[in-house]
Protein backbone atom coordinates (compact mmCIF):
# COMPACT_ATOMS: atom_id res chain seq x y z
CA MET A 1 264.84 45.54 164.53
CA ASN A 2 263.80 43.59 161.44
CA LYS A 3 263.36 45.09 157.97
CA LEU A 4 259.55 45.42 158.22
CA ALA A 5 259.85 47.32 161.50
CA ARG A 6 262.49 49.64 160.03
CA ILE A 7 260.26 50.28 156.96
CA ILE A 8 257.33 51.16 159.26
CA HIS A 9 259.57 53.43 161.33
CA ILE A 10 260.83 55.28 158.22
CA ALA A 11 257.27 55.52 156.88
CA GLY A 12 256.20 57.16 160.15
CA ARG A 13 259.12 59.56 159.86
CA GLU A 14 258.05 60.39 156.30
CA CYS A 15 254.45 60.99 157.42
CA ARG A 16 255.69 63.59 159.93
CA ILE A 17 257.71 65.27 157.19
CA LEU A 18 254.71 65.30 154.84
CA VAL A 19 252.26 66.69 157.36
CA PHE A 20 254.24 68.89 159.73
CA LYS A 21 257.68 69.80 158.42
CA ASN A 22 257.27 70.67 154.76
CA PRO A 23 253.91 72.03 153.52
CA ILE A 24 255.02 71.79 149.88
CA TYR A 25 254.14 68.09 149.99
CA ILE A 26 250.49 68.67 150.83
CA PHE A 27 250.31 71.40 148.22
CA CYS A 28 251.89 69.30 145.44
CA MET A 29 250.35 65.95 146.36
CA VAL A 30 246.81 67.02 147.22
CA VAL A 31 245.96 70.64 146.42
CA ILE A 32 247.45 70.86 142.90
CA PRO A 33 246.17 67.41 141.69
CA ILE A 34 242.63 68.05 142.93
CA THR A 35 242.66 71.54 141.35
CA VAL A 36 243.90 70.09 138.06
CA ILE A 37 241.26 67.38 138.04
CA PHE A 38 238.34 69.73 138.55
CA PHE A 39 239.77 72.45 136.33
CA MET A 40 240.47 70.19 133.33
CA THR A 41 237.20 68.32 133.53
CA SER A 42 235.15 71.51 133.97
CA VAL A 43 236.74 73.47 131.10
CA LEU A 44 235.11 71.09 128.60
CA SER A 45 232.12 70.15 130.73
CA ALA A 46 229.81 70.88 127.75
CA GLY A 47 231.63 68.23 125.75
CA GLN A 48 232.75 70.64 123.10
CA ALA A 49 233.90 74.24 122.90
CA VAL A 50 230.83 76.41 122.21
CA ASP A 51 230.28 79.95 120.95
CA LEU A 52 233.85 80.52 119.85
CA PRO A 53 234.09 84.17 118.65
CA VAL A 54 234.45 84.55 114.88
CA GLY A 55 234.13 87.54 112.55
CA VAL A 56 233.00 88.23 108.98
CA VAL A 57 234.08 90.53 106.19
CA ASP A 58 231.00 90.80 103.97
CA GLN A 59 231.81 92.98 100.97
CA ASP A 60 229.05 91.41 98.89
CA ASN A 61 226.22 92.45 101.27
CA THR A 62 223.45 90.46 99.56
CA ALA A 63 220.68 88.20 100.82
CA THR A 64 222.84 85.17 99.97
CA SER A 65 225.89 86.44 101.88
CA ARG A 66 223.78 87.39 104.89
CA GLN A 67 222.25 83.92 104.84
CA LEU A 68 225.76 82.41 104.96
CA ILE A 69 226.56 84.57 107.97
CA ARG A 70 223.36 83.55 109.76
CA THR A 71 224.15 79.91 109.05
CA LEU A 72 227.64 80.33 110.52
CA ASP A 73 226.24 82.01 113.60
CA SER A 74 223.70 79.19 114.05
CA PHE A 75 226.40 76.56 114.61
CA GLN A 76 226.99 75.50 118.19
CA THR A 77 230.72 75.99 118.03
CA SER A 78 230.90 79.42 116.34
CA HIS A 79 229.39 82.77 117.28
CA VAL A 80 229.68 85.81 115.03
CA VAL A 81 230.79 88.69 117.20
CA GLY A 82 232.04 91.25 114.69
CA HIS A 83 231.66 92.58 111.15
CA TYR A 84 234.77 94.15 109.67
CA ALA A 85 235.19 96.49 106.73
CA ASN A 86 238.24 94.72 105.28
CA VAL A 87 240.56 91.74 105.70
CA ASN A 88 243.21 93.85 107.44
CA ASP A 89 240.83 94.83 110.26
CA ALA A 90 239.77 91.21 110.72
CA ARG A 91 243.40 90.05 110.77
CA ASN A 92 244.19 92.61 113.44
CA ALA A 93 241.26 91.31 115.49
CA ILE A 94 242.72 87.79 115.34
CA GLN A 95 246.10 89.14 116.46
CA ARG A 96 244.41 90.93 119.38
CA ARG A 97 242.77 87.59 120.24
CA GLU A 98 239.29 89.03 119.90
CA ILE A 99 238.26 86.34 117.39
CA TYR A 100 239.63 82.92 116.41
CA ALA A 101 238.68 83.10 112.72
CA PHE A 102 236.83 85.15 110.10
CA LEU A 103 234.95 84.54 106.86
CA TYR A 104 235.71 86.76 103.87
CA ILE A 105 232.94 87.15 101.26
CA PRO A 106 234.25 89.33 98.39
CA GLU A 107 232.10 91.61 96.29
CA GLY A 108 230.33 89.83 93.43
CA THR A 109 230.09 86.47 95.17
CA THR A 110 226.34 86.09 94.69
CA GLY A 111 226.50 87.14 91.03
CA GLY A 112 229.34 84.74 90.39
CA LEU A 113 227.41 81.86 91.96
CA SER A 114 224.35 82.55 89.84
CA LEU A 115 226.47 82.62 86.67
CA SER A 116 228.55 79.54 87.65
CA ARG A 117 231.80 81.49 87.67
CA GLN A 118 233.07 79.79 90.82
CA PRO A 119 233.74 82.85 93.03
CA LYS A 120 236.17 82.37 95.91
CA ILE A 121 235.04 82.60 99.52
CA SER A 122 238.01 82.73 101.87
CA PHE A 123 238.26 81.96 105.55
CA TYR A 124 241.15 82.45 107.93
CA TYR A 125 241.58 80.81 111.29
CA ASN A 126 244.16 80.79 114.09
CA SER A 127 245.70 77.33 114.23
CA THR A 128 247.87 78.29 117.22
CA TYR A 129 244.96 77.10 119.36
CA MET A 130 244.46 73.49 118.35
CA LEU A 131 240.90 72.97 119.57
CA ALA A 132 239.57 76.43 118.65
CA GLY A 133 241.34 76.38 115.29
CA SER A 134 240.06 72.95 114.22
CA SER A 135 236.52 73.70 115.39
CA THR A 136 236.24 77.03 113.60
CA PHE A 137 237.86 75.54 110.48
CA ARG A 138 235.18 72.85 110.39
CA ASP A 139 232.35 75.37 110.67
CA LEU A 140 233.82 77.76 108.09
CA LYS A 141 234.39 74.96 105.60
CA THR A 142 230.84 73.73 106.11
CA VAL A 143 229.43 77.20 105.49
CA ALA A 144 231.40 77.55 102.26
CA THR A 145 230.16 74.17 101.06
CA LEU A 146 226.58 74.93 102.01
CA GLY A 147 226.69 78.23 100.12
CA SER A 148 227.54 76.63 96.81
CA ALA A 149 225.14 73.80 97.44
CA GLY A 150 222.28 76.21 98.14
CA VAL A 151 222.78 78.02 94.84
CA GLY A 152 223.14 74.72 93.00
CA LYS A 153 219.89 73.48 94.48
CA GLN A 154 218.04 76.58 93.28
CA LYS A 155 219.43 76.26 89.76
CA LEU A 156 218.61 72.54 89.50
CA SER A 157 215.15 73.13 90.89
CA ALA A 158 214.55 75.87 88.27
CA ILE A 159 215.26 73.48 85.41
CA GLY A 160 212.81 70.91 86.75
CA LYS A 161 214.92 68.44 88.71
CA THR A 162 213.20 66.52 91.51
CA GLU A 163 214.32 66.69 95.17
CA HIS A 164 215.76 63.17 94.91
CA GLU A 165 217.75 64.03 91.74
CA ILE A 166 219.07 67.24 93.31
CA ARG A 167 220.20 65.41 96.45
CA ALA A 168 221.94 62.71 94.39
CA PHE A 169 223.71 65.37 92.32
CA LEU A 170 224.85 67.57 95.18
CA GLN A 171 225.80 64.69 97.50
CA PRO A 172 226.47 61.60 95.39
CA ILE A 173 227.88 59.72 98.42
CA SER A 174 225.99 59.87 101.68
CA VAL A 175 228.22 59.39 104.73
CA ASP A 176 226.82 57.30 107.59
CA LEU A 177 229.16 58.14 110.46
CA HIS A 178 229.41 56.01 113.58
CA MET A 179 231.92 57.16 116.24
CA VAL A 180 232.90 54.06 118.20
CA GLY A 181 233.08 54.56 121.96
CA ASN A 182 232.31 58.28 121.92
CA PRO A 183 229.30 58.94 119.68
CA TRP A 184 228.79 62.37 121.30
CA SER A 185 232.20 63.65 120.05
CA ASN A 186 232.84 64.71 123.63
CA TYR A 187 236.24 66.36 123.82
CA ASN A 188 236.20 66.02 127.61
CA ILE A 189 236.42 62.24 127.19
CA TYR A 190 239.27 62.53 124.70
CA LEU A 191 241.41 65.08 126.55
CA SER A 192 240.77 64.81 130.28
CA SER A 193 241.39 61.06 130.33
CA THR A 194 244.95 61.66 129.05
CA LEU A 195 246.04 65.16 130.09
CA VAL A 196 245.04 64.81 133.73
CA PRO A 197 246.97 61.52 134.25
CA GLY A 198 249.91 63.14 132.50
CA LEU A 199 249.90 66.02 134.96
CA LEU A 200 249.43 63.66 137.91
CA MET A 201 252.42 61.63 136.70
CA LEU A 202 254.41 64.85 136.51
CA MET A 203 253.70 65.57 140.17
CA ILE A 204 254.60 61.97 141.13
CA PHE A 205 257.90 62.23 139.26
CA LEU A 206 258.76 65.51 140.95
CA ILE A 207 257.77 64.53 144.49
CA SER A 208 259.62 61.18 144.25
CA ALA A 209 262.87 62.88 143.21
CA TYR A 210 262.30 65.87 145.51
CA SER A 211 261.73 63.76 148.65
CA ILE A 212 265.06 61.94 148.15
CA GLY A 213 266.95 65.06 147.14
CA THR A 214 265.81 67.00 150.19
CA GLU A 215 267.59 64.46 152.40
CA LEU A 216 270.80 65.81 150.91
CA LYS A 217 269.63 69.42 150.94
CA PHE A 218 268.67 69.48 154.63
CA GLY A 219 271.55 67.26 155.75
CA THR A 220 269.38 64.37 156.97
CA SER A 221 270.66 61.69 154.59
CA HIS A 222 272.88 60.03 157.19
CA GLU A 223 270.01 59.95 159.68
CA TRP A 224 267.71 58.43 157.02
CA MET A 225 270.21 55.70 156.21
CA ARG A 226 270.84 55.04 159.91
CA TYR A 227 267.13 54.37 160.41
CA ALA A 228 267.34 51.90 157.52
CA ASP A 229 270.43 50.26 159.03
CA GLY A 230 272.35 51.04 155.84
CA ASP A 231 269.91 49.24 153.56
CA PRO A 232 268.91 51.62 150.71
CA TRP A 233 265.96 49.45 149.73
CA VAL A 234 264.47 49.73 153.22
CA ALA A 235 265.07 53.48 153.19
CA VAL A 236 263.45 54.09 149.79
CA ILE A 237 260.51 51.75 150.36
CA GLY A 238 259.74 53.29 153.74
CA LYS A 239 259.94 56.81 152.25
CA MET A 240 257.71 55.98 149.28
CA ILE A 241 254.91 54.09 151.08
CA PRO A 242 253.09 57.19 152.46
CA GLN A 243 253.42 58.95 149.11
CA THR A 244 252.12 55.87 147.31
CA ILE A 245 249.04 55.79 149.50
CA VAL A 246 248.29 59.50 148.94
CA PHE A 247 248.84 59.32 145.17
CA LEU A 248 246.73 56.15 144.89
CA LEU A 249 243.88 57.87 146.69
CA ILE A 250 244.17 60.84 144.34
CA PHE A 251 244.44 58.65 141.24
CA TYR A 252 241.54 56.42 142.20
CA GLY A 253 239.49 59.47 143.18
CA PHE A 254 240.12 60.90 139.69
CA GLU A 255 239.09 57.63 138.06
CA PHE A 256 235.96 57.32 140.16
CA TYR A 257 235.08 60.91 139.31
CA ILE A 258 235.42 60.61 135.52
CA TYR A 259 234.00 57.10 135.15
CA TYR A 260 231.17 57.07 137.71
CA VAL A 261 230.31 60.78 138.19
CA LEU A 262 230.98 62.22 134.73
CA ASP A 263 230.10 58.83 133.20
CA PHE A 264 233.00 58.55 130.78
CA PRO A 265 232.67 55.30 128.76
CA HIS A 266 234.59 52.38 130.30
CA PRO A 267 233.32 49.08 128.87
CA GLY A 268 236.52 47.38 130.07
CA GLY A 269 235.16 47.32 133.63
CA VAL A 270 236.51 48.24 137.04
CA TRP A 271 239.42 45.82 137.39
CA PRO A 272 241.53 47.19 134.54
CA ILE A 273 240.89 50.69 135.94
CA LEU A 274 242.11 49.72 139.41
CA LEU A 275 245.11 47.80 138.11
CA LEU A 276 246.14 50.57 135.74
CA GLY A 277 245.89 53.15 138.51
CA PHE A 278 248.15 51.13 140.82
CA VAL A 279 250.71 50.24 138.19
CA SER A 280 250.85 53.83 136.88
CA VAL A 281 251.47 55.33 140.32
CA VAL A 282 254.20 52.84 141.24
CA ALA A 283 255.81 53.04 137.80
CA SER A 284 255.87 56.83 137.98
CA GLN A 285 257.45 56.77 141.45
CA SER A 286 260.03 54.26 140.27
CA PHE A 287 260.82 56.40 137.27
CA GLY A 288 261.36 59.45 139.48
CA ILE A 289 263.66 57.41 141.75
CA PHE A 290 265.54 56.16 138.69
CA LEU A 291 266.07 59.69 137.37
CA PHE A 292 267.41 60.83 140.74
CA GLY A 293 269.76 57.83 140.74
CA LEU A 294 271.05 58.77 137.31
CA ALA A 295 271.70 62.36 138.39
CA PRO A 296 271.82 62.43 142.22
CA SER A 297 271.26 66.16 142.41
CA LEU A 298 268.00 67.76 143.50
CA ARG A 299 268.03 70.39 140.78
CA MET A 300 269.17 68.11 137.91
CA SER A 301 266.82 65.25 138.75
CA MET A 302 263.76 67.50 139.00
CA THR A 303 264.72 69.14 135.70
CA LEU A 304 264.87 65.72 134.05
CA CYS A 305 261.51 64.80 135.57
CA CYS A 306 259.88 67.96 134.19
CA LEU A 307 261.43 67.55 130.77
CA LEU A 308 260.42 63.90 130.31
CA ALA A 309 256.95 64.42 131.77
CA MET A 310 256.13 67.34 129.47
CA LEU A 311 257.53 65.55 126.44
CA GLY A 312 255.51 62.50 127.44
CA ILE A 313 252.27 64.45 126.97
CA SER A 314 253.22 65.12 123.32
CA MET A 315 254.57 61.62 122.77
CA ALA A 316 251.57 59.80 124.28
CA GLY A 317 249.71 59.88 120.96
CA ALA A 318 246.50 61.43 122.26
CA THR A 319 246.80 64.66 120.28
CA PHE A 320 248.97 63.46 117.38
CA PRO A 321 249.22 59.75 116.45
CA VAL A 322 252.59 58.15 117.16
CA PHE A 323 252.47 56.06 113.98
CA ALA A 324 252.48 59.31 111.94
CA MET A 325 255.64 60.54 113.63
CA ASP A 326 259.17 60.03 112.39
CA GLY A 327 260.59 56.56 112.95
CA ALA A 328 263.08 57.79 115.56
CA LEU A 329 260.31 59.48 117.53
CA GLN A 330 258.18 56.33 117.35
CA SER A 331 261.02 54.42 119.03
CA LEU A 332 261.57 57.20 121.53
CA SER A 333 257.89 57.12 122.61
CA TRP A 334 258.53 53.86 124.49
CA ILE A 335 260.53 55.60 127.20
CA PHE A 336 257.54 57.69 128.40
CA PRO A 337 255.22 56.07 130.97
CA LEU A 338 252.24 58.16 129.83
CA ARG A 339 252.41 56.59 126.38
CA HIS A 340 251.83 53.14 127.89
CA TYR A 341 249.09 54.46 130.19
CA TYR A 342 247.29 55.93 127.20
CA MET A 343 247.57 52.77 125.09
CA ILE A 344 246.28 50.58 127.95
CA TYR A 345 243.46 53.03 128.60
CA GLN A 346 242.22 53.03 125.00
CA ILE A 347 242.69 49.29 124.49
CA ASN A 348 241.47 47.77 127.78
CA ILE A 349 239.24 50.47 129.28
CA PHE A 350 237.87 52.61 126.45
CA ASN A 351 237.41 49.76 123.92
CA GLY A 352 237.00 46.91 126.41
CA PHE A 353 239.52 44.45 124.91
CA PRO A 354 241.10 41.83 127.20
CA LEU A 355 244.31 42.74 129.03
CA LEU A 356 246.34 40.43 126.77
CA TYR A 357 245.74 42.77 123.81
CA ALA A 358 247.87 45.43 125.52
CA TRP A 359 250.53 43.16 127.04
CA PRO A 360 253.55 45.08 125.59
CA TYR A 361 252.41 48.24 127.35
CA TRP A 362 251.70 46.47 130.62
CA ALA A 363 255.16 44.91 130.34
CA MET A 364 256.78 48.32 129.84
CA LEU A 365 255.10 49.72 132.93
CA VAL A 366 256.50 46.76 134.88
CA VAL A 367 259.93 47.56 133.42
CA PHE A 368 259.57 51.11 134.78
CA MET A 369 258.71 49.64 138.18
CA ILE A 370 262.01 47.73 138.38
CA LEU A 371 264.24 50.57 137.12
CA PRO A 372 265.40 51.53 140.67
CA LEU A 373 267.27 48.20 140.74
CA PHE A 374 269.93 49.75 138.50
CA VAL A 375 270.52 52.93 140.53
CA MET A 376 270.02 51.93 144.16
CA ARG A 377 273.74 51.63 144.82
CA ASN A 378 274.27 55.08 143.33
CA ILE A 379 271.56 56.55 145.59
CA TYR A 380 273.12 54.90 148.62
CA ARG A 381 276.56 56.29 147.77
CA ALA A 382 275.07 59.76 147.15
CA MET A 383 273.36 59.82 150.55
CA LEU A 384 276.60 58.99 152.38
CA VAL A 385 279.20 60.83 150.31
CA TYR A 386 277.73 63.68 148.22
CA LYS A 387 277.45 67.20 149.45
CA TYR A 388 274.46 69.36 148.51
CA ILE A 389 275.34 72.13 146.06
CA PRO A 390 272.68 74.88 145.80
């Protein structure tokens, strides 16, 4: 039997394992990824978080302070759900997770504004939640700025200044903002296009290492190698082909859903999308195989897969820029496949630049694809010699 026939035979054996013998494969390869895709993209389906609960502590209780509160409540992101007697009550409400932030207007604020005494308006927000904290901070800061601007406008108008002069005094520099690629400030585009692939890569890492490790666990490693005629490459390729097909269908289904159903911007076109999906799936499988080869133990290899996958989400640069990290962390970011996926996505797909502009990141994904070369002998020895230790 030639190598191709042996690969097909092992792939058929793997299909039977996936479908009939171990239901965890269907659950981890199909059910969880599809659930993650629809959950993550639906959480921010409105584009931004809306009506985040906030509170107020209004000890001034004047027309001006009530106007500030109405302005805060009118924002799309924030919704005033509670009025508190003092700061301590509002702080307790944040700790009980009833509100994300609150605005504190002390007594005498309106009088201080009218007399130009610069009264202090305080706001407190919970930065534990990144999205909710940054959104409520923006609204609260805007309200505080609008409050002083409103009083200033009244005073300037009272002394005879024209509307044009007032506008030039209160806002000497007018900002003309143009958000390239995502003018809607849609957080779904920013987050789902990175977090979902990161979670899909996590499942690919785990299943790749798990499928090899279970050959040791269930005592079928010798049978697996016998079907491959002692060739570890034939054994691994035959085992990975059915998984590659399933993961490619999931990955391409995710890309079709976000780019052609949800209409995420993709000026780079369809070919970079297809190529990136294929390379990402194969690179992730190869990385999982490599980690098992480094530590040919089911428990240790899956632990390494989880650790590196979860760190990869932080090191990708989607939530915090890599260039602002410490130098050692910037160098470390190159060992995470998700980092290269994210860079290729934003360069070639999101911004539409040619593939050559992202060649270092394409090259790194190819490096991940050839990593099993260095551990295949170790995997072969583990399948024939090692004993499974629970």
